[in-house]
C-alpha atoms as a PDB file:
ATOM      1  CA  MET A   1       2.879   7.909   6.246  1.00  0.00           C
ATOM      2  CA  TYR A   2       2.458   6.576   3.090  1.00  0.00           C
ATOM      3  CA  VAL A   3       2.952   7.886  -0.286  1.00  0.00           C
ATOM      4  CA  PRO A   4       2.081   5.957  -3.224  1.00  0.00           C
ATOM      5  CA  ASN A   5       4.911   7.734  -6.484  1.00  0.00           C
ATOM      6  CA  GLY A   6       1.592   6.465  -9.214  1.00  0.00           C
ATOM      7  CA  GLY A   7       4.348   4.595 -10.496  1.00  0.00           C
ATOM      8  CA  HIS A   8       5.540   1.082  -8.616  1.00  0.00           C
ATOM      9  CA  LYS A   9       6.750   2.484  -5.811  1.00  0.00           C
ATOM     10  CA  VAL A  10       5.273   3.841  -2.490  1.00  0.00           C
ATOM     11  CA  THR A  11       8.024   5.810  -0.641  1.00  0.00           C
ATOM     12  CA  VAL A  12       7.255   5.746   3.569  1.00  0.00           C
ATOM     13  CA  ILE A  13       7.399   8.653   5.246  1.00  0.00           C
ATOM     14  CA  ARG A  14       8.824   8.876   9.280  1.00  0.00           C
ATOM     15  CA  GLY A  15       5.920  11.207  10.943  1.00  0.00           C
ATOM     16  CA  GLN A  16       7.585  12.177  13.740  1.00  0.00           C
ATOM     17  CA  THR A  17      11.010  13.640  10.854  1.00  0.00           C
ATOM     18  CA  ASN A  18       9.025  13.637   8.177  1.00  0.00           C
ATOM     19  CA  LYS A  19      11.477  11.968   5.938  1.00  0.00           C
ATOM     20  CA  ALA A  20      12.133   8.970   3.633  1.00  0.00           C
ATOM     21  CA  VAL A  21      13.223   5.836   5.084  1.00  0.00           C
ATOM     22  CA  SER A  22      11.725   3.286   3.065  1.00  0.00           C
ATOM     23  CA  THR A  23      10.758   2.685  -0.451  1.00  0.00           C
ATOM     24  CA  ILE A  24       8.502   0.157  -0.938  1.00  0.00           C
ATOM     25  CA  SER A  25       8.071  -1.756  -4.536  1.00  0.00           C
ATOM     26  CA  VAL A  26       4.628  -2.668  -5.296  1.00  0.00           C
ATOM     27  CA  GLY A  27       3.200  -3.297  -8.856  1.00  0.00           C
ATOM     28  CA  ARG A  28       2.082  -0.276 -11.040  1.00  0.00           C
ATOM     29  CA  ASN A  29       0.956   2.800 -11.025  1.00  0.00           C
ATOM     30  CA  ALA A  30       0.254   2.924  -7.229  1.00  0.00           C
ATOM     31  CA  ASP A  31      -2.438   5.684  -7.023  1.00  0.00           C
ATOM     32  CA  SER A  32      -4.117   5.045  -2.989  1.00  0.00           C
ATOM     33  CA  VAL A  33      -2.572   3.421   0.361  1.00  0.00           C
ATOM     34  CA  ALA A  34      -5.237   2.001   3.032  1.00  0.00           C
ATOM     35  CA  VAL A  35      -3.607   1.089   6.912  1.00  0.00           C
ATOM     36  CA  ASN A  36      -4.992  -1.623   8.716  1.00  0.00           C
ATOM     37  CA  PRO A  37      -3.512  -0.451  12.851  1.00  0.00           C
ATOM     38  CA  ALA A  38      -4.915  -4.123  13.535  1.00  0.00           C
ATOM     39  CA  THR A  39      -2.708  -5.995  11.675  1.00  0.00           C
ATOM     40  CA  ASN A  40       0.353  -3.252  11.132  1.00  0.00           C
ATOM     41  CA  THR A  41      -0.822  -4.582   7.454  1.00  0.00           C
ATOM     42  CA  ILE A  42      -1.202  -1.612   4.244  1.00  0.00           C
ATOM     43  CA  TYR A  43      -2.719  -2.171   1.139  1.00  0.00           C
ATOM     44  CA  VAL A  44      -2.063  -0.191  -2.578  1.00  0.00           C
ATOM     45  CA  GLY A  45      -4.617   0.506  -4.610  1.00  0.00           C
ATOM     46  CA  ASN A  46      -2.853   0.152  -8.765  1.00  0.00           C
ATOM     47  CA  SER A  47      -4.416   1.762 -11.658  1.00  0.00           C
ATOM     48  CA  GLY A  48      -3.116  -0.935 -13.531  1.00  0.00           C
ATOM     49  CA  PRO A  49      -4.384  -4.466 -12.883  1.00  0.00           C
ATOM     50  CA  GLY A  50      -4.178  -6.007  -9.619  1.00  0.00           C
ATOM     51  CA  GLY A  51      -3.803  -4.704  -6.671  1.00  0.00           C
ATOM     52  CA  VAL A  52      -0.784  -5.162  -4.139  1.00  0.00           C
ATOM     53  CA  ALA A  53       0.108  -5.679  -0.288  1.00  0.00           C
ATOM     54  CA  ALA A  54       2.848  -4.539   1.800  1.00  0.00           C
ATOM     55  CA  ASP A  55       3.685  -5.431   5.512  1.00  0.00           C
ATOM     56  CA  PRO A  56       5.693  -2.100   6.872  1.00  0.00           C
ATOM     57  CA  GLU A  57       7.260  -3.615  10.545  1.00  0.00           C
ATOM     58  CA  THR A  58       8.236  -6.679   9.433  1.00  0.00           C
ATOM     59  CA  ASN A  59      10.214  -6.892   5.852  1.00  0.00           C
ATOM     60  CA  ILE A  60       8.680  -3.348   3.781  1.00  0.00           C
ATOM     61  CA  ALA A  61       8.409  -4.902   0.848  1.00  0.00           C
ATOM     62  CA  TYR A  62       6.278  -5.744  -1.625  1.00  0.00           C
ATOM     63  CA  VAL A  63       3.675  -9.311  -0.105  1.00  0.00           C
ATOM     64  CA  ALA A  64       0.690 -10.489  -3.149  1.00  0.00           C
ATOM     65  CA  ASP A  65      -1.639  -9.155  -5.410  1.00  0.00           C
ATOM     66  CA  ALA A  66      -4.762  -9.285  -4.940  1.00  0.00           C
ATOM     67  CA  PRO A  67      -7.268 -10.009  -7.359  1.00  0.00           C
ATOM     68  CA  THR A  68      -9.604  -7.746  -8.080  1.00  0.00           C
ATOM     69  CA  ASP A  69     -11.691  -6.682 -10.846  1.00  0.00           C
ATOM     70  CA  GLY A  70     -10.758  -4.265 -13.513  1.00  0.00           C
ATOM     71  CA  SER A  71      -8.490  -1.845 -12.691  1.00  0.00           C
ATOM     72  CA  PRO A  72      -9.115  -0.049  -8.800  1.00  0.00           C
ATOM     73  CA  SER A  73      -7.543   3.182  -8.304  1.00  0.00           C
ATOM     74  CA  SER A  74      -8.958   3.361  -4.421  1.00  0.00           C
ATOM     75  CA  VAL A  75      -8.769   0.844  -1.924  1.00  0.00           C
ATOM     76  CA  SER A  76     -10.941   1.190   2.048  1.00  0.00           C
ATOM     77  CA  VAL A  77      -9.429  -0.780   4.918  1.00  0.00           C
ATOM     78  CA  LEU A  78     -13.379  -2.036   6.632  1.00  0.00           C
ATOM     79  CA  GLY A  79     -13.652  -2.882  10.688  1.00  0.00           C
ATOM     80  CA  PRO A  80     -14.599  -6.593  11.535  1.00  0.00           C
ATOM     81  CA  CYS A  81     -17.205  -8.067   9.929  1.00  0.00           C
ATOM     82  CA  PRO A  82     -20.106  -9.738  12.247  1.00  0.00           C
END
C-alpha cells in the first residue's frame, strides 16, 4: 500500500503485515497515489507544482517530475490506449 503523507513523502506499507517498510521522498504536498500494476510504477499527485513518478520495485526513490498544468490534486492510471 502507498500512503501519501500530505507533505513531501509517501509511506510504503506491506499489506501482509500492515507495517511501514519504506518512505519515498517526493515533490511537495503529496495527496494522491495511483499504481500501474503492469509497470510496477506509482504516480503521486502533488497539490503543489508538478507531479512525480516512483518505481517501488527497483529503487523506491523519486524518479522525475512530470509536467502538468496547475496543481494536480489527484492521479489515475488508464489502461492501454487503442
